[in-house]
Amino acid sequence: QVQLVESGGGFVQPGGSLRLSCAASDIRFKFYTMGWYRRPPGKQRELVATITRLSTTNYVDSVKGRFTISTDNNKNTMYLQMDILKPEDTAVYYCNARNDFYGHNYWGQGTHVTVSS
């Protein structure tokens, strides 16, 4: 059974950094587009960043230059390095694995990130 488990969330002051991890079981990253999404308080879930099996990355404008998505295929783990964090980055962050050819779309349970002084 596919499982995506996020970790690394927490409380940080503005300007600080966090690194989120997503450990996957029973899937191989090279066959999936992996992504990070977030749900800010009182808002809908939104895309943060994606990375394709060819390592092409895409970021929402609000995090460009501050966040970096990456994968370690040997460890079957995806990361989101978040720097220069802002209060508006406060959200529950979710890991996603998608393969449109097979109709697969998997989600993790989410990890909370709070940016506040």
PDB file of N, CA and C in Angstrom:
ATOM      1  N   GLN A   1       0.842  -1.185   0.000  1.00  0.00           N
ATOM      2  CA  GLN A   1       0.000   0.000   0.000  1.00  0.00           C
ATOM      3  C   GLN A   1       0.880   1.238   0.000  1.00  0.00           C
ATOM      4  N   VAL A   2       0.569   2.173  -0.919  1.00  0.00           N
ATOM      5  CA  VAL A   2       1.366   3.389  -1.028  1.00  0.00           C
ATOM      6  C   VAL A   2       1.161   4.265   0.201  1.00  0.00           C
ATOM      7  N   GLN A   3       2.273   4.745   0.740  1.00  0.00           N
ATOM      8  CA  GLN A   3       2.225   5.690   1.853  1.00  0.00           C
ATOM      9  C   GLN A   3       3.193   6.825   1.600  1.00  0.00           C
ATOM     10  N   LEU A   4       2.726   8.040   1.844  1.00  0.00           N
ATOM     11  CA  LEU A   4       3.567   9.229   1.812  1.00  0.00           C
ATOM     12  C   LEU A   4       3.528   9.833   3.203  1.00  0.00           C
ATOM     13  N   VAL A   5       4.696   9.999   3.809  1.00  0.00           N
ATOM     14  CA  VAL A   5       4.755  10.495   5.181  1.00  0.00           C
ATOM     15  C   VAL A   5       5.622  11.746   5.232  1.00  0.00           C
ATOM     16  N   GLU A   6       4.978  12.863   5.570  1.00  0.00           N
ATOM     17  CA  GLU A   6       5.703  14.129   5.679  1.00  0.00           C
ATOM     18  C   GLU A   6       6.284  14.297   7.072  1.00  0.00           C
ATOM     19  N   SER A   7       7.360  15.041   7.148  1.00  0.00           N
ATOM     20  CA  SER A   7       7.950  15.406   8.432  1.00  0.00           C
ATOM     21  C   SER A   7       8.725  16.698   8.258  1.00  0.00           C
ATOM     22  N   GLY A   8       9.108  17.302   9.384  1.00  0.00           N
ATOM     23  CA  GLY A   8       9.937  18.495   9.330  1.00  0.00           C
ATOM     24  C   GLY A   8       9.212  19.797   9.587  1.00  0.00           C
ATOM     25  N   GLY A   9       7.893  19.735   9.732  1.00  0.00           N
ATOM     26  CA  GLY A   9       7.165  20.960  10.023  1.00  0.00           C
ATOM     27  C   GLY A   9       7.434  21.446  11.438  1.00  0.00           C
ATOM     28  N   GLY A  10       6.958  22.645  11.719  1.00  0.00           N
ATOM     29  CA  GLY A  10       7.152  23.193  13.057  1.00  0.00           C
ATOM     30  C   GLY A  10       6.911  24.678  13.096  1.00  0.00           C
ATOM     31  N   PHE A  11       7.421  25.295  14.147  1.00  0.00           N
ATOM     32  CA  PHE A  11       7.263  26.719  14.375  1.00  0.00           C
ATOM     33  C   PHE A  11       8.599  27.401  14.091  1.00  0.00           C
ATOM     34  N   VAL A  12       8.537  28.493  13.336  1.00  0.00           N
ATOM     35  CA  VAL A  12       9.753  29.225  13.006  1.00  0.00           C
ATOM     36  C   VAL A  12       9.442  30.705  12.919  1.00  0.00           C
ATOM     37  N   GLN A  13      10.409  31.527  13.235  1.00  0.00           N
ATOM     38  CA  GLN A  13      10.227  32.975  13.138  1.00  0.00           C
ATOM     39  C   GLN A  13      10.400  33.436  11.696  1.00  0.00           C
ATOM     40  N   PRO A  14       9.813  34.561  11.349  1.00  0.00           N
ATOM     41  CA  PRO A  14      10.005  35.099   9.990  1.00  0.00           C
ATOM     42  C   PRO A  14      11.489  35.236   9.659  1.00  0.00           C
ATOM     43  N   GLY A  15      11.823  34.872   8.423  1.00  0.00           N
ATOM     44  CA  GLY A  15      13.218  34.895   8.000  1.00  0.00           C
ATOM     45  C   GLY A  15      13.946  33.595   8.236  1.00  0.00           C
ATOM     46  N   GLY A  16      13.334  32.689   8.973  1.00  0.00           N
ATOM     47  CA  GLY A  16      13.963  31.417   9.283  1.00  0.00           C
ATOM     48  C   GLY A  16      13.802  30.396   8.184  1.00  0.00           C
ATOM     49  N   SER A  17      14.279  29.181   8.464  1.00  0.00           N
ATOM     50  CA  SER A  17      14.272  28.104   7.477  1.00  0.00           C
ATOM     51  C   SER A  17      13.725  26.821   8.091  1.00  0.00           C
ATOM     52  N   LEU A  18      13.147  26.004   7.231  1.00  0.00           N
ATOM     53  CA  LEU A  18      12.734  24.648   7.577  1.00  0.00           C
ATOM     54  C   LEU A  18      12.969  23.764   6.369  1.00  0.00           C
ATOM     55  N   ARG A  19      13.180  22.474   6.618  1.00  0.00           N
ATOM     56  CA  ARG A  19      13.242  21.518   5.524  1.00  0.00           C
ATOM     57  C   ARG A  19      12.216  20.428   5.773  1.00  0.00           C
ATOM     58  N   LEU A  20      11.287  20.333   4.845  1.00  0.00           N
ATOM     59  CA  LEU A  20      10.281  19.284   4.912  1.00  0.00           C
ATOM     60  C   LEU A  20      10.770  18.046   4.154  1.00  0.00           C
ATOM     61  N   SER A  21      10.381  16.891   4.648  1.00  0.00           N
ATOM     62  CA  SER A  21      10.702  15.627   3.986  1.00  0.00           C
ATOM     63  C   SER A  21       9.422  14.861   3.714  1.00  0.00           C
ATOM     64  N   CYS A  22       9.438  14.085   2.638  1.00  0.00           N
ATOM     65  CA  CYS A  22       8.320  13.201   2.303  1.00  0.00           C
ATOM     66  C   CYS A  22       8.904  11.843   1.964  1.00  0.00           C
ATOM     67  N   ALA A  23       8.687  10.891   2.847  1.00  0.00           N
ATOM     68  CA  ALA A  23       9.178   9.538   2.624  1.00  0.00           C
ATOM     69  C   ALA A  23       8.072   8.694   2.010  1.00  0.00           C
ATOM     70  N   ALA A  24       8.397   8.019   0.906  1.00  0.00           N
ATOM     71  CA  ALA A  24       7.389   7.249   0.176  1.00  0.00           C
ATOM     72  C   ALA A  24       7.676   5.761   0.236  1.00  0.00           C
ATOM     73  N   SER A  25       6.627   4.993   0.343  1.00  0.00           N
ATOM     74  CA  SER A  25       6.759   3.548   0.300  1.00  0.00           C
ATOM     75  C   SER A  25       5.868   3.008  -0.811  1.00  0.00           C
ATOM     76  N   ASP A  26       6.357   1.952  -1.466  1.00  0.00           N
ATOM     77  CA  ASP A  26       5.613   1.243  -2.495  1.00  0.00           C
ATOM     78  C   ASP A  26       5.395   2.042  -3.774  1.00  0.00           C
ATOM     79  N   ILE A  27       6.154   3.103  -3.995  1.00  0.00           N
ATOM     80  CA  ILE A  27       6.190   3.755  -5.303  1.00  0.00           C
ATOM     81  C   ILE A  27       7.640   4.086  -5.608  1.00  0.00           C
ATOM     82  N   ARG A  28       7.925   4.256  -6.874  1.00  0.00           N
ATOM     83  CA  ARG A  28       9.260   4.661  -7.286  1.00  0.00           C
ATOM     84  C   ARG A  28       9.165   6.042  -7.902  1.00  0.00           C
ATOM     85  N   PHE A  29       9.887   6.995  -7.331  1.00  0.00           N
ATOM     86  CA  PHE A  29       9.768   8.392  -7.725  1.00  0.00           C
ATOM     87  C   PHE A  29       9.960   8.602  -9.213  1.00  0.00           C
ATOM     88  N   LYS A  30      10.793   7.796  -9.841  1.00  0.00           N
ATOM     89  CA  LYS A  30      11.124   8.073 -11.241  1.00  0.00           C
ATOM     90  C   LYS A  30       9.926   7.880 -12.164  1.00  0.00           C
ATOM     91  N   PHE A  31       8.840   7.306 -11.635  1.00  0.00           N
ATOM     92  CA  PHE A  31       7.653   7.123 -12.446  1.00  0.00           C
ATOM     93  C   PHE A  31       6.559   8.146 -12.126  1.00  0.00           C
ATOM     94  N   TYR A  32       6.857   9.076 -11.225  1.00  0.00           N
ATOM     95  CA  TYR A  32       5.841   9.999 -10.758  1.00  0.00           C
ATOM     96  C   TYR A  32       6.310  11.449 -10.854  1.00  0.00           C
ATOM     97  N   THR A  33       5.342  12.343 -11.016  1.00  0.00           N
ATOM     98  CA  THR A  33       5.559  13.755 -10.748  1.00  0.00           C
ATOM     99  C   THR A  33       5.273  13.960  -9.269  1.00  0.00           C
ATOM    100  N   MET A  34       6.269  14.466  -8.563  1.00  0.00           N
ATOM    101  CA  MET A  34       6.134  14.686  -7.117  1.00  0.00           C
ATOM    102  C   MET A  34       5.891  16.159  -6.854  1.00  0.00           C
ATOM    103  N   GLY A  35       5.135  16.429  -5.815  1.00  0.00           N
ATOM    104  CA  GLY A  35       4.843  17.825  -5.540  1.00  0.00           C
ATOM    105  C   GLY A  35       4.565  18.110  -4.080  1.00  0.00           C
ATOM    106  N   TRP A  36       4.703  19.381  -3.750  1.00  0.00           N
ATOM    107  CA  TRP A  36       4.314  19.895  -2.434  1.00  0.00           C
ATOM    108  C   TRP A  36       3.146  20.859  -2.642  1.00  0.00           C
ATOM    109  N   TYR A  37       2.148  20.711  -1.827  1.00  0.00           N
ATOM    110  CA  TYR A  37       0.997  21.600  -1.800  1.00  0.00           C
ATOM    111  C   TYR A  37       0.841  22.101  -0.369  1.00  0.00           C
ATOM    112  N   ARG A  38       0.062  23.169  -0.204  1.00  0.00           N
ATOM    113  CA  ARG A  38      -0.189  23.660   1.147  1.00  0.00           C
ATOM    114  C   ARG A  38      -1.609  24.201   1.266  1.00  0.00           C
ATOM    115  N   ARG A  39      -2.121  24.145   2.478  1.00  0.00           N
ATOM    116  CA  ARG A  39      -3.437  24.698   2.774  1.00  0.00           C
ATOM    117  C   ARG A  39      -3.280  25.722   3.876  1.00  0.00           C
ATOM    118  N   PRO A  40      -3.277  27.014   3.537  1.00  0.00           N
ATOM    119  CA  PRO A  40      -3.199  28.049   4.575  1.00  0.00           C
ATOM    120  C   PRO A  40      -4.480  28.041   5.416  1.00  0.00           C
ATOM    121  N   PRO A  41      -4.439  28.577   6.609  1.00  0.00           N
ATOM    122  CA  PRO A  41      -5.634  28.601   7.465  1.00  0.00           C
ATOM    123  C   PRO A  41      -6.804  29.293   6.768  1.00  0.00           C
ATOM    124  N   GLY A  42      -7.935  28.626   6.700  1.00  0.00           N
ATOM    125  CA  GLY A  42      -9.133  29.206   6.116  1.00  0.00           C
ATOM    126  C   GLY A  42      -9.134  29.301   4.611  1.00  0.00           C
ATOM    127  N   LYS A  43      -8.145  28.693   3.949  1.00  0.00           N
ATOM    128  CA  LYS A  43      -8.064  28.791   2.495  1.00  0.00           C
ATOM    129  C   LYS A  43      -8.016  27.401   1.873  1.00  0.00           C
ATOM    130  N   GLN A  44      -8.104  27.367   0.541  1.00  0.00           N
ATOM    131  CA  GLN A  44      -8.039  26.099  -0.168  1.00  0.00           C
ATOM    132  C   GLN A  44      -6.585  25.666  -0.367  1.00  0.00           C
ATOM    133  N   ARG A  45      -6.444  24.381  -0.612  1.00  0.00           N
ATOM    134  CA  ARG A  45      -5.112  23.846  -0.881  1.00  0.00           C
ATOM    135  C   ARG A  45      -4.579  24.420  -2.192  1.00  0.00           C
ATOM    136  N   GLU A  46      -3.289  24.728  -2.201  1.00  0.00           N
ATOM    137  CA  GLU A  46      -2.664  25.325  -3.376  1.00  0.00           C
ATOM    138  C   GLU A  46      -1.334  24.660  -3.667  1.00  0.00           C
ATOM    139  N   LEU A  47      -0.954  24.727  -4.933  1.00  0.00           N
ATOM    140  CA  LEU A  47       0.320  24.168  -5.349  1.00  0.00           C
ATOM    141  C   LEU A  47       1.461  25.029  -4.834  1.00  0.00           C
ATOM    142  N   VAL A  48       2.524  24.393  -4.350  1.00  0.00           N
ATOM    143  CA  VAL A  48       3.742  25.091  -3.951  1.00  0.00           C
ATOM    144  C   VAL A  48       4.844  24.829  -4.975  1.00  0.00           C
ATOM    145  N   ALA A  49       5.125  23.554  -5.243  1.00  0.00           N
ATOM    146  CA  ALA A  49       6.214  23.203  -6.157  1.00  0.00           C
ATOM    147  C   ALA A  49       6.038  21.777  -6.635  1.00  0.00           C
ATOM    148  N   THR A  50       6.536  21.520  -7.837  1.00  0.00           N
ATOM    149  CA  THR A  50       6.540  20.164  -8.375  1.00  0.00           C
ATOM    150  C   THR A  50       7.896  19.847  -8.979  1.00  0.00           C
ATOM    151  N   ILE A  51       8.165  18.554  -9.075  1.00  0.00           N
ATOM    152  CA  ILE A  51       9.375  18.079  -9.744  1.00  0.00           C
ATOM    153  C   ILE A  51       9.005  16.833 -10.531  1.00  0.00           C
ATOM    154  N   THR A  52       9.341  16.839 -11.814  1.00  0.00           N
ATOM    155  CA  THR A  52       8.984  15.709 -12.670  1.00  0.00           C
ATOM    156  C   THR A  52      10.044  14.616 -12.582  1.00  0.00           C
ATOM    157  N   ARG A  53       9.731  13.502 -13.244  1.00  0.00           N
ATOM    158  CA  ARG A  53      10.696  12.376 -13.232  1.00  0.00           C
ATOM    159  C   ARG A  53      11.967  12.743 -13.994  1.00  0.00           C
ATOM    160  N   LEU A  54      11.909  13.814 -14.795  1.00  0.00           N
ATOM    161  CA  LEU A  54      13.101  14.315 -15.491  1.00  0.00           C
ATOM    162  C   LEU A  54      13.763  15.455 -14.715  1.00  0.00           C
ATOM    163  N   SER A  55      13.310  15.651 -13.479  1.00  0.00           N
ATOM    164  CA  SER A  55      13.861  16.671 -12.566  1.00  0.00           C
ATOM    165  C   SER A  55      13.570  18.097 -12.990  1.00  0.00           C
ATOM    166  N   THR A  56      12.542  18.284 -13.800  1.00  0.00           N
ATOM    167  CA  THR A  56      12.085  19.634 -14.115  1.00  0.00           C
ATOM    168  C   THR A  56      11.262  20.147 -12.944  1.00  0.00           C
ATOM    169  N   THR A  57      11.601  21.342 -12.482  1.00  0.00           N
ATOM    170  CA  THR A  57      10.914  21.896 -11.315  1.00  0.00           C
ATOM    171  C   THR A  57      10.013  23.063 -11.703  1.00  0.00           C
ATOM    172  N   ASN A  58       9.007  23.259 -10.882  1.00  0.00           N
ATOM    173  CA  ASN A  58       8.068  24.355 -11.093  1.00  0.00           C
ATOM    174  C   ASN A  58       7.656  24.876  -9.727  1.00  0.00           C
ATOM    175  N   TYR A  59       7.575  26.206  -9.602  1.00  0.00           N
ATOM    176  CA  TYR A  59       7.237  26.828  -8.322  1.00  0.00           C
ATOM    177  C   TYR A  59       6.133  27.859  -8.501  1.00  0.00           C
ATOM    178  N   VAL A  60       5.300  27.971  -7.488  1.00  0.00           N
ATOM    179  CA  VAL A  60       4.361  29.083  -7.468  1.00  0.00           C
ATOM    180  C   VAL A  60       5.165  30.369  -7.270  1.00  0.00           C
ATOM    181  N   ASP A  61       4.707  31.460  -7.861  1.00  0.00           N
ATOM    182  CA  ASP A  61       5.492  32.701  -7.855  1.00  0.00           C
ATOM    183  C   ASP A  61       5.862  33.156  -6.444  1.00  0.00           C
ATOM    184  N   SER A  62       4.984  32.943  -5.492  1.00  0.00           N
ATOM    185  CA  SER A  62       5.203  33.475  -4.146  1.00  0.00           C
ATOM    186  C   SER A  62       6.370  32.809  -3.409  1.00  0.00           C
ATOM    187  N   VAL A  63       6.842  31.661  -3.897  1.00  0.00           N
ATOM    188  CA  VAL A  63       7.954  30.983  -3.211  1.00  0.00           C
ATOM    189  C   VAL A  63       9.219  30.926  -4.050  1.00  0.00           C
ATOM    190  N   LYS A  64       9.161  31.413  -5.282  1.00  0.00           N
ATOM    191  CA  LYS A  64      10.343  31.370  -6.154  1.00  0.00           C
ATOM    192  C   LYS A  64      11.505  32.121  -5.514  1.00  0.00           C
ATOM    193  N   GLY A  65      12.672  31.480  -5.538  1.00  0.00           N
ATOM    194  CA  GLY A  65      13.855  32.089  -4.942  1.00  0.00           C
ATOM    195  C   GLY A  65      13.991  31.831  -3.457  1.00  0.00           C
ATOM    196  N   ARG A  66      12.952  31.284  -2.837  1.00  0.00           N
ATOM    197  CA  ARG A  66      13.009  31.002  -1.394  1.00  0.00           C
ATOM    198  C   ARG A  66      12.898  29.508  -1.091  1.00  0.00           C
ATOM    199  N   PHE A  67      12.144  28.783  -1.899  1.00  0.00           N
ATOM    200  CA  PHE A  67      11.930  27.349  -1.674  1.00  0.00           C
ATOM    201  C   PHE A  67      12.645  26.542  -2.758  1.00  0.00           C
ATOM    202  N   THR A  68      13.110  25.353  -2.384  1.00  0.00           N
ATOM    203  CA  THR A  68      13.748  24.460  -3.338  1.00  0.00           C
ATOM    204  C   THR A  68      13.218  23.049  -3.141  1.00  0.00           C
ATOM    205  N   ILE A  69      12.683  22.477  -4.218  1.00  0.00           N
ATOM    206  CA  ILE A  69      12.190  21.109  -4.184  1.00  0.00           C
ATOM    207  C   ILE A  69      13.262  20.179  -4.748  1.00  0.00           C
ATOM    208  N   SER A  70      13.381  19.008  -4.147  1.00  0.00           N
ATOM    209  CA  SER A  70      14.369  18.042  -4.618  1.00  0.00           C
ATOM    210  C   SER A  70      13.930  16.638  -4.225  1.00  0.00           C
ATOM    211  N   THR A  71      14.552  15.659  -4.860  1.00  0.00           N
ATOM    212  CA  THR A  71      14.267  14.270  -4.524  1.00  0.00           C
ATOM    213  C   THR A  71      15.572  13.503  -4.399  1.00  0.00           C
ATOM    214  N   ASP A  72      15.539  12.468  -3.581  1.00  0.00           N
ATOM    215  CA  ASP A  72      16.629  11.503  -3.490  1.00  0.00           C
ATOM    216  C   ASP A  72      16.010  10.165  -3.865  1.00  0.00           C
ATOM    217  N   ASN A  73      16.184   9.761  -5.113  1.00  0.00           N
ATOM    218  CA  ASN A  73      15.530   8.545  -5.584  1.00  0.00           C
ATOM    219  C   ASN A  73      16.036   7.303  -4.878  1.00  0.00           C
ATOM    220  N   ASN A  74      17.282   7.324  -4.428  1.00  0.00           N
ATOM    221  CA  ASN A  74      17.813   6.163  -3.714  1.00  0.00           C
ATOM    222  C   ASN A  74      17.107   5.972  -2.379  1.00  0.00           C
ATOM    223  N   LYS A  75      16.733   7.077  -1.743  1.00  0.00           N
ATOM    224  CA  LYS A  75      16.039   7.021  -0.458  1.00  0.00           C
ATOM    225  C   LYS A  75      14.526   7.100  -0.615  1.00  0.00           C
ATOM    226  N   ASN A  76      14.062   7.278  -1.865  1.00  0.00           N
ATOM    227  CA  ASN A  76      12.632   7.448  -2.104  1.00  0.00           C
ATOM    228  C   ASN A  76      12.056   8.554  -1.219  1.00  0.00           C
ATOM    229  N   THR A  77      12.754   9.657  -1.167  1.00  0.00           N
ATOM    230  CA  THR A  77      12.375  10.775  -0.312  1.00  0.00           C
ATOM    231  C   THR A  77      12.416  12.067  -1.106  1.00  0.00           C
ATOM    232  N   MET A  78      11.429  12.920  -0.867  1.00  0.00           N
ATOM    233  CA  MET A  78      11.365  14.236  -1.476  1.00  0.00           C
ATOM    234  C   MET A  78      11.545  15.275  -0.386  1.00  0.00           C
ATOM    235  N   TYR A  79      12.122  16.409  -0.754  1.00  0.00           N
ATOM    236  CA  TYR A  79      12.393  17.461   0.209  1.00  0.00           C
ATOM    237  C   TYR A  79      11.832  18.799  -0.287  1.00  0.00           C
ATOM    238  N   LEU A  80      11.580  19.662   0.663  1.00  0.00           N
ATOM    239  CA  LEU A  80      11.268  21.053   0.353  1.00  0.00           C
ATOM    240  C   LEU A  80      12.073  21.910   1.314  1.00  0.00           C
ATOM    241  N   GLN A  81      13.119  22.519   0.793  1.00  0.00           N
ATOM    242  CA  GLN A  81      13.914  23.450   1.589  1.00  0.00           C
ATOM    243  C   GLN A  81      13.232  24.814   1.523  1.00  0.00           C
ATOM    244  N   MET A  82      12.868  25.316   2.674  1.00  0.00           N
ATOM    245  CA  MET A  82      12.140  26.576   2.740  1.00  0.00           C
ATOM    246  C   MET A  82      12.988  27.596   3.481  1.00  0.00           C
ATOM    247  N   ASP A  83      13.389  28.636   2.798  1.00  0.00           N
ATOM    248  CA  ASP A  83      14.220  29.694   3.371  1.00  0.00           C
ATOM    249  C   ASP A  83      13.468  31.014   3.336  1.00  0.00           C
ATOM    250  N   ILE A  84      13.953  31.955   4.111  1.00  0.00           N
ATOM    251  CA  ILE A  84      13.354  33.297   4.197  1.00  0.00           C
ATOM    252  C   ILE A  84      11.845  33.166   4.375  1.00  0.00           C
ATOM    253  N   LEU A  85      11.448  32.386   5.340  1.00  0.00           N
ATOM    254  CA  LEU A  85      10.029  32.121   5.554  1.00  0.00           C
ATOM    255  C   LEU A  85       9.291  33.376   5.993  1.00  0.00           C
ATOM    256  N   LYS A  86       8.036  33.455   5.543  1.00  0.00           N
ATOM    257  CA  LYS A  86       7.183  34.599   5.837  1.00  0.00           C
ATOM    258  C   LYS A  86       5.917  34.105   6.564  1.00  0.00           C
ATOM    259  N   PRO A  87       5.272  34.969   7.303  1.00  0.00           N
ATOM    260  CA  PRO A  87       4.029  34.548   7.970  1.00  0.00           C
ATOM    261  C   PRO A  87       3.007  33.963   7.000  1.00  0.00           C
ATOM    262  N   GLU A  88       2.968  34.458   5.782  1.00  0.00           N
ATOM    263  CA  GLU A  88       2.002  33.942   4.804  1.00  0.00           C
ATOM    264  C   GLU A  88       2.344  32.541   4.303  1.00  0.00           C
ATOM    265  N   ASP A  89       3.498  32.012   4.704  1.00  0.00           N
ATOM    266  CA  ASP A  89       3.823  30.623   4.394  1.00  0.00           C
ATOM    267  C   ASP A  89       3.199  29.651   5.401  1.00  0.00           C
ATOM    268  N   THR A  90       2.597  30.185   6.437  1.00  0.00           N
ATOM    269  CA  THR A  90       1.936  29.342   7.431  1.00  0.00           C
ATOM    270  C   THR A  90       0.841  28.514   6.770  1.00  0.00           C
ATOM    271  N   ALA A  91       0.916  27.207   6.955  1.00  0.00           N
ATOM    272  CA  ALA A  91      -0.033  26.304   6.286  1.00  0.00           C
ATOM    273  C   ALA A  91       0.245  24.874   6.721  1.00  0.00           C
ATOM    274  N   VAL A  92      -0.665  24.002   6.329  1.00  0.00           N
ATOM    275  CA  VAL A  92      -0.395  22.565   6.377  1.00  0.00           C
ATOM    276  C   VAL A  92       0.172  22.192   5.013  1.00  0.00           C
ATOM    277  N   TYR A  93       1.325  21.559   5.016  1.00  0.00           N
ATOM    278  CA  TYR A  93       2.013  21.201   3.780  1.00  0.00           C
ATOM    279  C   TYR A  93       1.817  19.711   3.493  1.00  0.00           C
ATOM    280  N   TYR A  94       1.441  19.421   2.248  1.00  0.00           N
ATOM    281  CA  TYR A  94       1.135  18.060   1.835  1.00  0.00           C
ATOM    282  C   TYR A  94       2.067  17.599   0.718  1.00  0.00           C
ATOM    283  N   CYS A  95       2.422  16.361   0.793  1.00  0.00           N
ATOM    284  CA  CYS A  95       3.212  15.696  -0.237  1.00  0.00           C
ATOM    285  C   CYS A  95       2.265  15.008  -1.218  1.00  0.00           C
ATOM    286  N   ASN A  96       2.597  15.058  -2.511  1.00  0.00           N
ATOM    287  CA  ASN A  96       1.751  14.455  -3.540  1.00  0.00           C
ATOM    288  C   ASN A  96       2.605  13.694  -4.548  1.00  0.00           C
ATOM    289  N   ALA A  97       2.081  12.558  -4.987  1.00  0.00           N
ATOM    290  CA  ALA A  97       2.716  11.770  -6.043  1.00  0.00           C
ATOM    291  C   ALA A  97       1.668  11.491  -7.104  1.00  0.00           C
ATOM    292  N   ARG A  98       1.960  11.844  -8.356  1.00  0.00           N
ATOM    293  CA  ARG A  98       0.947  11.720  -9.405  1.00  0.00           C
ATOM    294  C   ARG A  98       1.537  11.045 -10.640  1.00  0.00           C
ATOM    295  N   ASN A  99       0.761  10.117 -11.190  1.00  0.00           N
ATOM    296  CA  ASN A  99       1.085   9.512 -12.475  1.00  0.00           C
ATOM    297  C   ASN A  99      -0.200   9.496 -13.284  1.00  0.00           C
ATOM    298  N   ASP A 100      -0.318  10.432 -14.219  1.00  0.00           N
ATOM    299  CA  ASP A 100      -1.564  10.566 -14.984  1.00  0.00           C
ATOM    300  C   ASP A 100      -1.810   9.375 -15.898  1.00  0.00           C
ATOM    301  N   PHE A 101      -0.754   8.734 -16.383  1.00  0.00           N
ATOM    302  CA  PHE A 101      -0.922   7.604 -17.301  1.00  0.00           C
ATOM    303  C   PHE A 101      -1.655   6.463 -16.614  1.00  0.00           C
ATOM    304  N   TYR A 102      -1.278   6.212 -15.346  1.00  0.00           N
ATOM    305  CA  TYR A 102      -1.920   5.127 -14.598  1.00  0.00           C
ATOM    306  C   TYR A 102      -3.080   5.622 -13.737  1.00  0.00           C
ATOM    307  N   GLY A 103      -3.311   6.929 -13.723  1.00  0.00           N
ATOM    308  CA  GLY A 103      -4.405   7.445 -12.900  1.00  0.00           C
ATOM    309  C   GLY A 103      -4.124   7.395 -11.424  1.00  0.00           C
ATOM    310  N   HIS A 104      -2.865   7.494 -11.043  1.00  0.00           N
ATOM    311  CA  HIS A 104      -2.492   7.467  -9.635  1.00  0.00           C
ATOM    312  C   HIS A 104      -2.342   8.889  -9.101  1.00  0.00           C
ATOM    313  N   ASN A 105      -2.863   9.106  -7.910  1.00  0.00           N
ATOM    314  CA  ASN A 105      -2.750  10.412  -7.268  1.00  0.00           C
ATOM    315  C   ASN A 105      -2.761  10.190  -5.757  1.00  0.00           C
ATOM    316  N   TYR A 106      -1.597  10.231  -5.148  1.00  0.00           N
ATOM    317  CA  TYR A 106      -1.452   9.904  -3.730  1.00  0.00           C
ATOM    318  C   TYR A 106      -1.102  11.145  -2.913  1.00  0.00           C
ATOM    319  N   TRP A 107      -1.614  11.163  -1.671  1.00  0.00           N
ATOM    320  CA  TRP A 107      -1.379  12.296  -0.769  1.00  0.00           C
ATOM    321  C   TRP A 107      -0.870  11.812   0.580  1.00  0.00           C
ATOM    322  N   GLY A 108      -0.026  12.639   1.183  1.00  0.00           N
ATOM    323  CA  GLY A 108       0.369  12.402   2.565  1.00  0.00           C
ATOM    324  C   GLY A 108      -0.643  13.014   3.512  1.00  0.00           C
ATOM    325  N   GLN A 109      -0.365  12.872   4.787  1.00  0.00           N
ATOM    326  CA  GLN A 109      -1.316  13.332   5.803  1.00  0.00           C
ATOM    327  C   GLN A 109      -1.113  14.802   6.160  1.00  0.00           C
ATOM    328  N   GLY A 110      -0.002  15.367   5.758  1.00  0.00           N
ATOM    329  CA  GLY A 110       0.277  16.781   6.002  1.00  0.00           C
ATOM    330  C   GLY A 110       1.150  17.034   7.212  1.00  0.00           C
ATOM    331  N   THR A 111       1.888  18.126   7.144  1.00  0.00           N
ATOM    332  CA  THR A 111       2.706  18.572   8.277  1.00  0.00           C
ATOM    333  C   THR A 111       2.518  20.081   8.439  1.00  0.00           C
ATOM    334  N   HIS A 112       2.377  20.534   9.681  1.00  0.00           N
ATOM    335  CA  HIS A 112       2.075  21.929   9.947  1.00  0.00           C
ATOM    336  C   HIS A 112       3.335  22.777   9.962  1.00  0.00           C
ATOM    337  N   VAL A 113       3.239  23.921   9.326  1.00  0.00           N
ATOM    338  CA  VAL A 113       4.303  24.926   9.363  1.00  0.00           C
ATOM    339  C   VAL A 113       3.685  26.229   9.846  1.00  0.00           C
ATOM    340  N   THR A 114       4.254  26.796  10.900  1.00  0.00           N
ATOM    341  CA  THR A 114       3.788  28.066  11.431  1.00  0.00           C
ATOM    342  C   THR A 114       4.947  29.043  11.444  1.00  0.00           C
ATOM    343  N   VAL A 115       4.751  30.173  10.788  1.00  0.00           N
ATOM    344  CA  VAL A 115       5.770  31.226  10.735  1.00  0.00           C
ATOM    345  C   VAL A 115       5.209  32.437  11.469  1.00  0.00           C
ATOM    346  N   SER A 116       5.812  32.752  12.594  1.00  0.00           N
ATOM    347  CA  SER A 116       5.285  33.826  13.418  1.00  0.00           C
ATOM    348  C   SER A 116       6.375  34.351  14.351  1.00  0.00           C
ATOM    349  N   SER A 117       6.266  35.622  14.675  1.00  0.00           N
ATOM    350  CA  SER A 117       7.190  36.215  15.645  1.00  0.00           C
ATOM    351  C   SER A 117       6.577  36.180  17.035  1.00  0.00           C
TER     352      SER A 117
END
